[in-house]
Amino acid sequence: MNTSEPRLLRVEVVADLPVLWATIERLDLPATLDRHFPTPCHWKGPLSPGEVLAVWLLFILSQGDHCLNHVEPWVAQHHGTLSALLGKTVLPVALHDDRLADWLNRLCSGDSFSVLERDLNQQTIRVYQLPTDLVRIDATTASSYADVLSEQGLLQFGHSKDDPDRPQLKIAAGVLDPLGMPLATVVVPGNSTDDPLYVPVIQAVQQSFGVGGRTYVGDCKMAALATRAFVAAGQDFYLCPLSENQLSRAQRRELLQPVFDGAQALQQVRRPGGEGQPDELVAEGFAVDVGLAATVGGREVRWTERRWLVRSLAYAQAQGAALERRLGNAIQALRELVVRKQGKEQLFHAELMQAAEAIVRREGVEGLLSYTAQALMTTRQVRAYRDRPARQETVVFFEIEVRRNEALIEEKKREMGWQVYATNALALLLPQVVWAYRGQYRIEDDWSRLKGRPLGLTPMYLQDERRMQGLVYLLSLALRLLTLLEWVVRERLRKEGAKLQGVYAGQPGRKTDRPSAELLLRAMKTISVSVVEINGQTHALLSPLTGVQTRLLELWGLPPDLYEEVVRGFPIPPVEISEP
């Protein structure tokens, strides 16, 4: 054999692992974990518990998989890269699924995770210089395949947009705007109502950043008077829509009547148009101030609430189009009631009216359509047949006339698109209110990431409720890392006034100034290390980085030789990774 010929020994995919580990190190996450969760007395191996959890986070973020038994074989496939990143030997047995399950139990022990979140919040704000003036709060559910229902357990049947046929737990979170970075995570039984969850989340955020001067944005379930009073008592601010529980339909109509009468002037909110295009009118509205009082912690709190009545043009158009569709469906269904078909039983007047009422009620257009049914008779001549003589037969049939009540339809349409936003931040102007609430999609993006790709919380196959709770906490840490990776690049592009090109597969010319973390990490997937033998000596060779990958390291503020450092620390020869 010619020893001068290079011989490939193995190829190890490095991908995005160095980038993820650099982010973990920026937050000093392994040491922080070890500080809040001390090493158990029975712990063995070169890795600390915090390092084990950090490597697990690498697996989750890189693979989009939270299954415990998939981690150990993955470590075996990447042991060279992981050992180089941690500066010590990383054996697959160090991330055995039993050890990972024990970590999940520890995460949900007492209030340890809440204290960890506070520490990480302060550290993250300090390292990344993040704004802390606006926090978004929401709740979601996560279903499970486990069969561990009990009266006091986390898994319960409840209202769900995902899978109402499976038991679920409920998650509430406060996230930092504009990143969407989780600040506080609360896990409660799946049949819990949302209203009481907001105050604990707000309290957790206040414990991280202090009380006063911060705005909390939530949906209508945050509008409970007790929640608004709690925020006002702490000299913080809230912004949320009021449901009909807080402001009835009759009260809304009374407030809007001056608008319909032309006596109330409206402020406008416009979106800047493109080059050469006029600004787009997106909303209009006005405000009324209301004095409120409530008891918080045994003392009375009084404050002024400003209620912005806002009409969204797009929302009004969508509601109007939906109403027209329902009207069209109702008219068609009403007219088909009297159409004779083979095998169709004929309805008479009382039955027709009953069926018509059901149609109008089903389509939600009561009072907007009027209809009358008229019985008509006609005769026809029947020829004689065999022993039956010729005769005349009288046939009774019905016609239904349907009319639109245009006046009531127009009255209903003019009430469409209106929403009432409540806030105690009296300095907020209408555009600030509208754009602040419209940014609520950011927390919905977090739920999509948490429950779908790339974190994949649902459906959960764990059978222990404590471990399910621990898994939610673990994935919230992963979500924190994702949002930071995304925000750093977007903020750098914003400051440069630049766009990123070359990250879309099959579209090399496509540019974006708001790339997602998933898109950015996917661009690093082609990086690998090849271990070759040349003239009896073993070398680790790094695949060349593309221009896009080099640019991303620059945008992340990472050293250009980050991957070369991994190669320099690559274990040659490979360590023995089998269990003793």
Protein backbone atom coordinates (compact mmCIF):
# COMPACT_ATOMS: atom_id res chain seq x y z
CA MET A 1 0.00 0.00 0.00
CA ASN A 2 1.31 3.43 -0.96
CA THR A 3 1.35 5.39 2.32
CA SER A 4 1.66 8.68 0.44
CA GLU A 5 -1.94 8.32 -0.64
CA PRO A 6 -4.29 10.17 1.77
CA ARG A 7 -6.73 7.85 3.48
CA LEU A 8 -10.05 9.17 4.76
CA LEU A 9 -10.73 7.86 8.24
CA ARG A 10 -13.99 9.61 9.08
CA VAL A 11 -16.06 12.71 8.43
CA GLU A 12 -17.81 14.49 11.28
CA VAL A 13 -20.49 17.10 10.65
CA VAL A 14 -19.77 20.25 12.64
CA ALA A 15 -22.60 22.35 11.23
CA ASP A 16 -23.93 25.03 13.59
CA LEU A 17 -22.59 23.55 16.84
CA PRO A 18 -19.73 26.07 17.35
CA VAL A 19 -22.15 28.98 16.82
CA LEU A 20 -24.63 27.56 19.31
CA TRP A 21 -21.91 26.81 21.85
CA ALA A 22 -20.49 30.32 21.52
CA THR A 23 -23.96 31.70 22.34
CA ILE A 24 -24.24 29.38 25.34
CA GLU A 25 -20.83 30.53 26.57
CA ARG A 26 -21.76 34.20 26.15
CA LEU A 27 -24.51 33.63 28.67
CA ASP A 28 -22.18 31.58 30.88
CA LEU A 29 -25.00 29.06 30.91
CA PRO A 30 -23.14 25.91 32.10
CA ALA A 31 -21.68 27.69 35.12
CA THR A 32 -25.01 29.38 35.87
CA LEU A 33 -26.77 26.02 35.78
CA ASP A 34 -24.18 24.51 38.11
CA ARG A 35 -24.62 27.42 40.51
CA HIS A 36 -28.39 26.99 40.73
CA PHE A 37 -28.39 23.18 40.55
CA PRO A 38 -25.37 21.89 42.55
CA THR A 39 -23.69 18.68 41.50
CA PRO A 40 -25.35 15.61 43.11
CA CYS A 41 -23.13 13.56 45.39
CA HIS A 42 -23.40 10.51 43.10
CA TRP A 43 -22.34 12.43 39.96
CA LYS A 44 -19.52 10.91 37.92
CA GLY A 45 -17.63 11.88 34.78
CA PRO A 46 -15.58 14.82 33.49
CA LEU A 47 -18.64 16.89 32.57
CA SER A 48 -20.48 18.96 35.17
CA PRO A 49 -24.30 18.78 35.28
CA GLY A 50 -24.47 22.23 33.69
CA GLU A 51 -22.26 21.10 30.81
CA VAL A 52 -24.41 18.01 30.29
CA LEU A 53 -27.54 20.14 30.02
CA ALA A 54 -25.76 22.57 27.71
CA VAL A 55 -24.80 19.72 25.36
CA TRP A 56 -28.40 18.53 25.45
CA LEU A 57 -29.47 22.02 24.38
CA LEU A 58 -27.01 21.76 21.48
CA PHE A 59 -28.73 18.56 20.41
CA ILE A 60 -32.22 20.06 20.67
CA LEU A 61 -31.34 23.20 18.72
CA SER A 62 -29.33 21.39 16.07
CA GLN A 63 -31.67 18.43 15.57
CA GLY A 64 -35.11 19.79 16.49
CA ASP A 65 -35.71 16.73 18.67
CA HIS A 66 -36.34 16.43 22.41
CA CYS A 67 -36.45 12.62 22.67
CA LEU A 68 -34.12 11.58 25.47
CA ASN A 69 -32.96 8.30 23.94
CA HIS A 70 -31.80 10.03 20.74
CA VAL A 71 -29.14 12.13 22.47
CA GLU A 72 -26.56 9.44 23.30
CA PRO A 73 -26.10 8.15 19.72
CA TRP A 74 -25.93 11.76 18.48
CA VAL A 75 -23.12 12.49 20.92
CA ALA A 76 -21.28 9.44 19.59
CA GLN A 77 -21.52 10.87 16.07
CA HIS A 78 -20.27 14.31 17.17
CA HIS A 79 -17.92 13.44 20.02
CA GLY A 80 -14.93 15.06 18.28
CA THR A 81 -16.67 18.41 17.82
CA LEU A 82 -18.20 18.35 21.28
CA SER A 83 -14.86 17.49 22.92
CA ALA A 84 -13.19 20.35 21.03
CA LEU A 85 -15.89 22.82 22.06
CA LEU A 86 -15.88 21.88 25.75
CA GLY A 87 -12.12 21.34 25.97
CA LYS A 88 -12.62 17.95 27.60
CA THR A 89 -13.63 14.47 26.54
CA VAL A 90 -17.36 14.14 25.94
CA LEU A 91 -18.48 10.51 26.08
CA PRO A 92 -21.93 9.40 24.89
CA VAL A 93 -22.60 7.74 28.25
CA ALA A 94 -22.44 11.19 29.87
CA LEU A 95 -25.77 11.94 28.18
CA HIS A 96 -27.55 8.69 28.89
CA ASP A 97 -31.32 9.08 28.91
CA ASP A 98 -31.55 8.24 32.62
CA ARG A 99 -29.23 11.13 33.42
CA LEU A 100 -31.25 13.47 31.20
CA ALA A 101 -34.49 12.37 32.84
CA ASP A 102 -32.94 13.18 36.21
CA TRP A 103 -32.16 16.66 34.90
CA LEU A 104 -35.82 17.18 33.97
CA ASN A 105 -36.83 16.28 37.51
CA ARG A 106 -34.33 18.76 38.92
CA LEU A 107 -35.50 21.60 36.67
CA CYS A 108 -39.02 21.50 38.10
CA SER A 109 -37.92 21.13 41.72
CA GLY A 110 -39.32 23.99 43.83
CA ASP A 111 -38.68 27.48 42.50
CA SER A 112 -35.16 26.70 41.26
CA PHE A 113 -35.99 27.38 37.65
CA SER A 114 -37.66 30.72 38.44
CA VAL A 115 -34.49 31.81 40.25
CA LEU A 116 -32.41 30.60 37.27
CA GLU A 117 -34.59 32.62 34.89
CA ARG A 118 -34.07 35.78 36.95
CA ASP A 119 -30.30 35.28 36.89
CA LEU A 120 -30.27 34.59 33.15
CA ASN A 121 -32.53 37.57 32.45
CA GLN A 122 -30.18 39.99 34.16
CA GLN A 123 -27.14 38.41 32.55
CA THR A 124 -28.67 38.40 29.06
CA ILE A 125 -29.73 42.05 29.31
CA ARG A 126 -26.24 43.00 30.45
CA VAL A 127 -24.39 41.03 27.76
CA TYR A 128 -26.60 41.95 24.81
CA GLN A 129 -27.64 45.46 25.95
CA LEU A 130 -31.32 44.72 25.40
CA PRO A 131 -34.25 47.09 25.98
CA THR A 132 -36.61 46.01 28.77
CA ASP A 133 -39.48 48.49 28.45
CA LEU A 134 -42.05 46.21 26.77
CA VAL A 135 -43.04 42.66 27.71
CA ARG A 136 -45.65 40.51 25.97
CA ILE A 137 -47.66 37.85 27.82
CA ASP A 138 -49.74 34.98 26.51
CA ALA A 139 -50.69 31.37 27.26
CA THR A 140 -50.92 28.20 25.18
CA THR A 141 -51.50 24.48 25.64
CA ALA A 142 -49.40 21.39 24.89
CA SER A 143 -51.03 18.00 24.41
CA SER A 144 -49.61 14.66 25.48
CA TYR A 145 -49.97 10.98 24.64
CA ALA A 146 -49.43 10.00 28.27
CA ASP A 147 -52.13 8.21 30.23
CA VAL A 148 -51.49 9.66 33.68
CA LEU A 149 -54.65 11.66 34.35
CA SER A 150 -55.40 12.51 37.95
CA GLU A 151 -57.52 15.13 39.68
CA GLN A 152 -54.54 17.18 40.87
CA GLY A 153 -52.16 16.45 37.99
CA LEU A 154 -50.84 18.73 35.24
CA LEU A 155 -52.45 16.75 32.44
CA GLN A 156 -56.12 17.59 32.15
CA PHE A 157 -58.70 17.88 29.41
CA GLY A 158 -59.57 21.47 28.59
CA HIS A 159 -60.21 23.94 25.81
CA SER A 160 -57.57 23.45 23.14
CA LYS A 161 -56.88 24.77 19.65
CA ASP A 162 -54.50 21.87 19.01
CA ASP A 163 -55.99 18.49 19.88
CA PRO A 164 -59.05 18.58 22.19
CA ASP A 165 -59.13 14.78 22.28
CA ARG A 166 -55.87 14.55 24.24
CA PRO A 167 -55.00 15.70 27.76
CA GLN A 168 -52.87 18.80 27.97
CA LEU A 169 -50.92 21.12 30.21
CA LYS A 170 -50.99 24.91 29.96
CA ILE A 171 -47.99 27.21 29.55
CA ALA A 172 -47.94 30.95 30.24
CA ALA A 173 -44.94 33.08 29.37
CA GLY A 174 -43.72 36.64 29.37
CA VAL A 175 -41.39 37.48 26.48
CA LEU A 176 -39.18 40.48 25.86
CA ASP A 177 -40.07 42.67 22.89
CA PRO A 178 -38.88 42.89 20.14
CA LEU A 179 -36.90 39.63 20.45
CA GLY A 180 -39.62 37.36 21.73
CA MET A 181 -37.08 36.06 24.28
CA PRO A 182 -38.74 34.19 27.19
CA LEU A 183 -38.34 35.95 30.53
CA ALA A 184 -40.71 33.94 32.71
CA THR A 185 -42.37 30.56 32.18
CA VAL A 186 -45.26 29.13 34.17
CA VAL A 187 -46.68 25.59 33.78
CA VAL A 188 -50.14 24.81 35.19
CA PRO A 189 -52.81 22.11 34.74
CA GLY A 190 -54.41 21.97 31.31
CA ASN A 191 -57.91 22.85 32.55
CA SER A 192 -56.79 26.11 34.21
CA THR A 193 -58.30 29.38 33.06
CA ASP A 194 -55.96 31.94 31.52
CA ASP A 195 -57.00 34.99 33.56
CA PRO A 196 -55.13 34.12 36.81
CA LEU A 197 -51.88 33.31 34.96
CA TYR A 198 -50.94 36.86 34.03
CA VAL A 199 -50.17 38.20 37.51
CA PRO A 200 -47.62 35.41 38.35
CA VAL A 201 -45.83 36.04 35.04
CA ILE A 202 -45.77 39.81 35.68
CA GLN A 203 -44.45 39.22 39.19
CA ALA A 204 -41.67 37.03 37.83
CA VAL A 205 -40.64 39.73 35.35
CA GLN A 206 -40.75 42.37 38.09
CA GLN A 207 -38.43 40.23 40.21
CA SER A 208 -35.94 40.28 37.34
CA PHE A 209 -36.07 43.95 36.36
CA GLY A 210 -37.82 45.75 39.20
CA VAL A 211 -41.21 47.45 39.46
CA GLY A 212 -42.34 50.54 37.59
CA GLY A 213 -42.17 52.02 34.10
CA ARG A 214 -42.59 48.81 32.08
CA THR A 215 -45.45 48.09 29.66
CA TYR A 216 -47.14 44.68 29.59
CA VAL A 217 -49.09 43.76 26.46
CA GLY A 218 -51.55 40.88 26.41
CA ASP A 219 -54.76 39.63 24.85
CA CYS A 220 -58.29 40.14 26.18
CA LYS A 221 -57.75 37.52 28.92
CA MET A 222 -55.25 39.89 30.49
CA ALA A 223 -58.03 42.48 30.77
CA ALA A 224 -59.42 41.12 34.05
CA LEU A 225 -59.81 44.04 36.45
CA ALA A 226 -57.62 42.33 39.05
CA THR A 227 -54.75 42.05 36.54
CA ARG A 228 -55.04 45.64 35.40
CA ALA A 229 -55.20 46.84 38.99
CA PHE A 230 -52.09 44.82 39.91
CA VAL A 231 -50.10 46.41 37.08
CA ALA A 232 -51.34 49.90 37.92
CA ALA A 233 -50.50 49.41 41.61
CA GLY A 234 -46.87 48.72 40.69
CA GLN A 235 -46.59 51.92 38.62
CA ASP A 236 -46.27 49.77 35.49
CA PHE A 237 -48.40 50.02 32.37
CA TYR A 238 -50.71 47.62 30.56
CA LEU A 239 -52.16 47.45 27.06
CA CYS A 240 -54.84 44.93 26.19
CA PRO A 241 -58.15 44.72 24.32
CA LEU A 242 -61.34 44.66 26.36
CA SER A 243 -63.74 41.80 25.76
CA GLU A 244 -67.51 42.08 26.09
CA ASN A 245 -67.10 40.89 29.69
CA GLN A 246 -65.41 44.19 30.51
CA LEU A 247 -67.30 46.40 28.05
CA SER A 248 -70.65 45.13 26.79
CA ARG A 249 -71.87 45.44 23.22
CA ALA A 250 -74.43 48.03 24.29
CA GLN A 251 -71.72 50.12 25.99
CA ARG A 252 -69.55 49.95 22.89
CA ARG A 253 -72.45 51.03 20.69
CA GLU A 254 -73.10 53.96 23.01
CA LEU A 255 -69.47 55.06 22.75
CA LEU A 256 -69.49 54.70 18.97
CA GLN A 257 -72.79 56.47 18.36
CA PRO A 258 -71.14 59.94 18.11
CA VAL A 259 -68.89 58.51 15.38
CA PHE A 260 -71.90 57.21 13.46
CA ASP A 261 -73.62 60.58 13.92
CA GLY A 262 -70.56 62.42 12.57
CA ALA A 263 -69.97 64.26 15.85
CA GLN A 264 -66.73 62.48 16.88
CA ALA A 265 -63.48 63.26 15.06
CA LEU A 266 -61.14 60.33 14.44
CA GLN A 267 -57.35 60.20 14.57
CA GLN A 268 -55.67 58.27 11.78
CA VAL A 269 -52.88 55.71 11.74
CA ARG A 270 -50.99 55.39 8.47
CA ARG A 271 -48.34 52.99 7.24
CA PRO A 272 -45.59 54.63 5.16
CA GLY A 273 -46.02 53.79 1.49
CA GLY A 274 -43.34 52.46 -0.78
CA GLU A 275 -41.23 54.62 -3.02
CA GLY A 276 -43.54 56.92 -4.94
CA GLN A 277 -46.60 55.50 -3.17
CA PRO A 278 -48.89 57.37 -0.74
CA ASP A 279 -49.13 56.37 2.91
CA GLU A 280 -51.71 53.67 3.61
CA LEU A 281 -54.52 54.29 6.08
CA VAL A 282 -54.60 51.25 8.37
CA ALA A 283 -56.70 52.38 11.35
CA GLU A 284 -58.60 55.28 12.87
CA GLY A 285 -59.98 55.90 16.33
CA PHE A 286 -60.49 58.08 19.38
CA ALA A 287 -60.06 57.80 23.13
CA VAL A 288 -62.14 58.19 26.29
CA ASP A 289 -60.77 58.29 29.83
CA VAL A 290 -62.34 56.34 32.69
CA GLY A 291 -61.55 56.43 36.40
CA LEU A 292 -61.13 52.99 37.98
CA ALA A 293 -60.64 51.67 41.48
CA ALA A 294 -59.84 48.19 42.85
CA THR A 295 -58.31 46.53 45.88
CA VAL A 296 -54.80 45.08 45.55
CA GLY A 297 -53.11 43.43 48.52
CA GLY A 298 -55.64 44.89 50.95
CA ARG A 299 -55.30 48.49 49.81
CA GLU A 300 -57.39 50.50 47.38
CA VAL A 301 -55.79 51.50 44.11
CA ARG A 302 -57.17 54.27 41.91
CA TRP A 303 -56.01 55.09 38.41
CA THR A 304 -57.12 56.57 35.10
CA GLU A 305 -57.61 54.20 32.20
CA ARG A 306 -57.62 55.42 28.64
CA ARG A 307 -59.80 53.38 26.30
CA TRP A 308 -58.92 53.67 22.66
CA LEU A 309 -61.74 52.75 20.30
CA VAL A 310 -59.95 51.77 17.12
CA ARG A 311 -61.30 50.70 13.75
CA SER A 312 -58.94 48.56 11.70
CA LEU A 313 -59.72 48.93 8.00
CA ALA A 314 -58.38 45.50 7.10
CA TYR A 315 -60.34 43.89 9.95
CA ALA A 316 -63.51 45.72 8.91
CA GLN A 317 -63.09 44.61 5.29
CA ALA A 318 -62.51 41.01 6.36
CA GLN A 319 -65.56 41.04 8.62
CA GLY A 320 -67.67 42.63 5.86
CA ALA A 321 -66.56 40.03 3.33
CA ALA A 322 -67.34 37.24 5.82
CA LEU A 323 -70.81 38.70 6.40
CA GLU A 324 -71.48 38.83 2.66
CA ARG A 325 -70.41 35.18 2.35
CA ARG A 326 -72.78 34.17 5.13
CA LEU A 327 -75.61 36.16 3.57
CA GLY A 328 -74.96 34.51 0.20
CA ASN A 329 -74.88 31.06 1.77
CA ALA A 330 -78.12 31.73 3.64
CA ILE A 331 -79.94 33.06 0.54
CA GLN A 332 -78.86 30.08 -1.53
CA ALA A 333 -79.88 27.60 1.17
CA LEU A 334 -83.27 29.33 1.62
CA ARG A 335 -84.03 29.18 -2.10
CA GLU A 336 -83.06 25.53 -2.27
CA LEU A 337 -85.64 24.66 0.36
CA VAL A 338 -88.42 24.75 -2.24
CA VAL A 339 -86.52 23.10 -5.08
CA ARG A 340 -88.11 19.76 -5.89
CA LYS A 341 -85.73 16.85 -6.32
CA GLN A 342 -86.19 13.15 -6.69
CA GLY A 343 -86.33 11.53 -3.28
CA LYS A 344 -86.58 14.90 -1.51
CA GLU A 345 -89.51 15.23 0.84
CA GLN A 346 -91.65 18.28 0.17
CA LEU A 347 -91.86 20.77 3.03
CA PHE A 348 -95.08 22.62 3.74
CA HIS A 349 -95.43 26.13 5.13
CA ALA A 350 -94.76 25.52 8.84
CA GLU A 351 -91.86 23.21 8.07
CA LEU A 352 -90.44 25.69 5.57
CA MET A 353 -90.47 28.49 8.13
CA GLN A 354 -88.83 26.28 10.73
CA ALA A 355 -86.09 25.21 8.30
CA ALA A 356 -85.56 28.82 7.19
CA GLU A 357 -85.11 30.00 10.77
CA ALA A 358 -82.51 27.28 11.33
CA ILE A 359 -80.57 28.37 8.22
CA VAL A 360 -80.56 32.04 9.21
CA ARG A 361 -79.49 31.17 12.75
CA ARG A 362 -76.74 28.84 11.50
CA GLU A 363 -75.25 31.53 9.27
CA GLY A 364 -75.51 34.22 11.96
CA VAL A 365 -77.60 36.63 9.85
CA GLU A 366 -80.69 36.93 12.02
CA GLY A 367 -82.65 40.08 11.20
CA LEU A 368 -80.63 40.79 8.06
CA LEU A 369 -82.85 38.72 5.74
CA SER A 370 -86.60 38.58 5.41
CA TYR A 371 -88.37 35.76 3.65
CA THR A 372 -91.91 34.72 2.82
CA ALA A 373 -93.22 31.45 1.50
CA GLN A 374 -96.26 31.35 -0.80
CA ALA A 375 -98.24 28.27 -1.73
CA LEU A 376 -99.18 27.99 -5.41
CA MET A 377 -101.39 25.49 -7.12
CA THR A 378 -101.44 24.23 -10.66
CA THR A 379 -103.47 21.62 -12.44
CA ARG A 380 -102.41 19.10 -14.98
CA GLN A 381 -104.30 16.75 -17.23
CA VAL A 382 -103.63 13.05 -16.66
CA ARG A 383 -104.48 10.69 -19.54
CA ALA A 384 -106.51 7.58 -19.06
CA TYR A 385 -104.54 4.43 -18.48
CA ARG A 386 -106.05 0.97 -18.51
CA ASP A 387 -108.87 1.04 -16.01
CA ARG A 388 -108.05 4.58 -14.80
CA PRO A 389 -110.05 7.32 -16.43
CA ALA A 390 -108.60 10.63 -17.57
CA ARG A 391 -108.56 13.22 -14.83
CA GLN A 392 -107.16 16.51 -13.58
CA GLU A 393 -104.67 16.61 -10.68
CA THR A 394 -103.99 19.62 -8.48
CA VAL A 395 -100.32 20.07 -7.51
CA VAL A 396 -99.37 22.28 -4.60
CA PHE A 397 -95.88 23.78 -4.53
CA PHE A 398 -94.16 26.63 -2.71
CA GLU A 399 -92.13 29.64 -3.71
CA ILE A 400 -89.89 31.47 -1.26
CA GLU A 401 -88.97 35.11 -1.64
CA VAL A 402 -85.82 36.30 0.12
CA ARG A 403 -84.98 39.98 0.59
CA ARG A 404 -81.90 41.63 2.07
CA ASN A 405 -82.51 44.24 4.74
CA GLU A 406 -79.92 46.68 3.39
CA ALA A 407 -80.41 49.26 6.13
CA LEU A 408 -79.66 46.77 8.90
CA ILE A 409 -76.80 45.24 6.90
CA GLU A 410 -75.16 48.64 6.50
CA GLU A 411 -75.71 49.37 10.19
CA LYS A 412 -74.02 46.11 11.10
CA LYS A 413 -71.12 46.79 8.73
CA ARG A 414 -70.41 50.20 10.21
CA GLU A 415 -69.87 48.52 13.60
CA MET A 416 -67.31 46.13 12.11
CA GLY A 417 -63.57 46.44 12.61
CA TRP A 418 -63.87 48.23 15.96
CA GLN A 419 -61.80 47.13 18.93
CA VAL A 420 -61.39 48.70 22.37
CA TYR A 421 -57.86 48.85 23.79
CA ALA A 422 -57.35 49.70 27.44
CA THR A 423 -54.17 51.22 28.84
CA ASN A 424 -53.06 53.23 31.82
CA ALA A 425 -50.14 54.63 29.80
CA LEU A 426 -51.73 57.99 29.11
CA ALA A 427 -48.67 59.18 27.20
CA LEU A 428 -49.23 56.58 24.45
CA LEU A 429 -50.57 58.01 21.20
CA LEU A 430 -52.91 56.11 18.91
CA PRO A 431 -50.18 54.95 16.47
CA GLN A 432 -48.11 53.64 19.38
CA VAL A 433 -51.11 51.73 20.73
CA VAL A 434 -51.93 50.18 17.35
CA TRP A 435 -48.39 49.13 16.46
CA ALA A 436 -47.63 47.90 19.98
CA TYR A 437 -50.59 45.53 19.97
CA ARG A 438 -50.02 44.42 16.38
CA GLY A 439 -46.60 43.19 17.46
CA GLN A 440 -48.32 40.49 19.53
CA TYR A 441 -47.57 38.04 16.71
CA ARG A 442 -44.05 37.76 18.14
CA ILE A 443 -45.19 35.66 21.07
CA GLU A 444 -47.30 33.57 18.68
CA ASP A 445 -44.09 32.90 16.74
CA ASP A 446 -42.57 31.67 19.99
CA TRP A 447 -45.42 29.22 20.51
CA SER A 448 -44.98 27.97 16.94
CA ARG A 449 -41.31 27.34 17.58
CA LEU A 450 -41.89 25.77 20.97
CA LYS A 451 -44.61 23.37 19.86
CA GLY A 452 -43.51 22.76 16.27
CA ARG A 453 -40.20 23.00 14.51
CA PRO A 454 -37.51 23.44 15.61
CA LEU A 455 -38.14 22.58 19.30
CA GLY A 456 -40.96 20.07 18.89
CA LEU A 457 -42.59 20.06 22.34
CA THR A 458 -45.83 18.53 21.08
CA PRO A 459 -46.91 15.88 21.16
CA MET A 460 -45.16 14.81 24.36
CA TYR A 461 -44.40 11.12 24.81
CA LEU A 462 -43.01 11.42 28.33
CA GLN A 463 -45.06 9.53 30.91
CA ASP A 464 -44.07 11.49 34.01
CA GLU A 465 -45.73 14.87 34.63
CA ARG A 466 -42.74 16.31 36.48
CA ARG A 467 -40.53 15.52 33.53
CA MET A 468 -43.06 17.15 31.19
CA GLN A 469 -42.82 20.32 33.24
CA GLY A 470 -39.04 20.08 33.22
CA LEU A 471 -39.08 19.63 29.45
CA VAL A 472 -41.08 22.84 29.03
CA TYR A 473 -38.49 24.68 31.11
CA LEU A 474 -35.63 23.14 29.13
CA LEU A 475 -37.16 24.12 25.80
CA SER A 476 -37.72 27.66 27.07
CA LEU A 477 -33.93 27.88 27.48
CA ALA A 478 -33.53 26.65 23.91
CA LEU A 479 -36.04 29.24 22.74
CA ARG A 480 -34.06 31.94 24.55
CA LEU A 481 -30.95 30.97 22.57
CA LEU A 482 -32.82 30.93 19.26
CA THR A 483 -34.28 34.39 19.76
CA LEU A 484 -30.87 35.80 20.68
CA LEU A 485 -29.22 34.31 17.59
CA GLU A 486 -31.95 35.81 15.44
CA TRP A 487 -32.00 39.23 17.08
CA VAL A 488 -28.24 39.78 16.91
CA VAL A 489 -28.19 39.32 13.12
CA ARG A 490 -31.33 41.37 12.51
CA GLU A 491 -30.07 44.21 14.70
CA ARG A 492 -26.69 44.23 12.96
CA LEU A 493 -28.35 44.31 9.54
CA ARG A 494 -30.62 47.14 10.70
CA LYS A 495 -27.70 49.23 11.90
CA GLU A 496 -25.81 48.61 8.66
CA GLY A 497 -28.88 49.25 6.52
CA ALA A 498 -28.01 46.00 4.73
CA LYS A 499 -29.70 42.81 3.62
CA LEU A 500 -28.50 39.23 3.78
CA GLN A 501 -28.20 37.24 0.57
CA GLY A 502 -27.54 33.58 -0.18
CA VAL A 503 -29.38 31.94 2.73
CA TYR A 504 -32.39 30.71 0.76
CA ALA A 505 -31.94 27.32 -0.87
CA GLY A 506 -32.42 27.52 -4.62
CA GLN A 507 -32.76 31.33 -4.53
CA PRO A 508 -29.20 32.68 -4.43
CA GLY A 509 -30.29 36.21 -5.31
CA ARG A 510 -33.01 36.55 -2.72
CA LYS A 511 -32.30 39.06 0.06
CA THR A 512 -33.76 39.65 3.51
CA ASP A 513 -33.15 41.97 6.44
CA ARG A 514 -35.18 39.79 8.84
CA PRO A 515 -33.78 36.25 8.55
CA SER A 516 -35.09 33.68 11.01
CA ALA A 517 -32.79 31.81 13.37
CA GLU A 518 -33.74 28.56 11.67
CA LEU A 519 -32.68 29.95 8.29
CA LEU A 520 -29.39 31.22 9.67
CA LEU A 521 -28.47 27.96 11.38
CA ARG A 522 -29.44 25.96 8.30
CA ALA A 523 -26.86 27.92 6.33
CA MET A 524 -24.12 26.44 8.57
CA LYS A 525 -25.15 22.80 8.09
CA THR A 526 -22.62 22.05 5.32
CA ILE A 527 -19.54 22.58 7.51
CA SER A 528 -17.67 19.40 8.42
CA VAL A 529 -14.31 18.08 9.60
CA SER A 530 -12.56 15.26 7.74
CA VAL A 531 -10.00 13.12 9.52
CA VAL A 532 -7.40 11.82 7.06
CA GLU A 533 -4.19 9.83 7.34
CA ILE A 534 -1.22 11.04 5.27
CA ASN A 535 2.15 9.32 5.45
CA GLY A 536 1.22 7.68 8.72
CA GLN A 537 0.12 10.92 10.36
CA THR A 538 -3.51 11.81 11.13
CA HIS A 539 -4.86 15.28 10.38
CA ALA A 540 -8.21 17.02 10.88
CA LEU A 541 -9.22 19.13 7.90
CA LEU A 542 -12.02 21.70 7.90
CA SER A 543 -14.25 22.10 4.88
CA PRO A 544 -13.92 25.61 3.42
CA LEU A 545 -16.48 28.10 4.68
CA THR A 546 -18.64 29.81 2.09
CA GLY A 547 -18.94 33.56 1.80
CA VAL A 548 -22.37 33.43 3.44
CA GLN A 549 -21.05 31.43 6.39
CA THR A 550 -18.17 33.88 6.90
CA ARG A 551 -20.61 36.78 6.71
CA LEU A 552 -22.84 35.17 9.34
CA LEU A 553 -19.94 34.79 11.76
CA GLU A 554 -19.31 38.52 11.29
CA LEU A 555 -22.96 39.39 11.91
CA TRP A 556 -23.02 37.25 15.07
CA GLY A 557 -19.89 39.03 16.31
CA LEU A 558 -17.99 35.74 16.45
CA PRO A 559 -14.29 35.34 15.61
CA PRO A 560 -13.61 34.44 11.96
CA ASP A 561 -11.42 31.52 13.08
CA LEU A 562 -14.16 29.99 15.27
CA TYR A 563 -14.24 26.79 13.24
CA GLU A 564 -10.44 26.62 12.93
CA GLU A 565 -10.34 26.60 16.74
CA VAL A 566 -12.61 23.56 16.70
CA VAL A 567 -10.23 21.77 14.33
CA ARG A 568 -7.24 22.64 16.49
CA GLY A 569 -8.98 21.06 19.49
CA PHE A 570 -10.24 18.04 17.56
CA PRO A 571 -9.17 14.80 19.34
CA ILE A 572 -6.68 12.84 17.19
CA PRO A 573 -6.67 9.88 17.49
CA PRO A 574 -10.34 9.59 18.44
CA VAL A 575 -11.11 8.75 22.04
CA GLU A 576 -12.69 5.46 22.98
CA ILE A 577 -16.41 6.23 23.12
CA SER A 578 -17.84 2.83 24.00
CA GLU A 579 -19.08 2.13 27.49
CA PRO A 580 -16.73 0.20 29.80
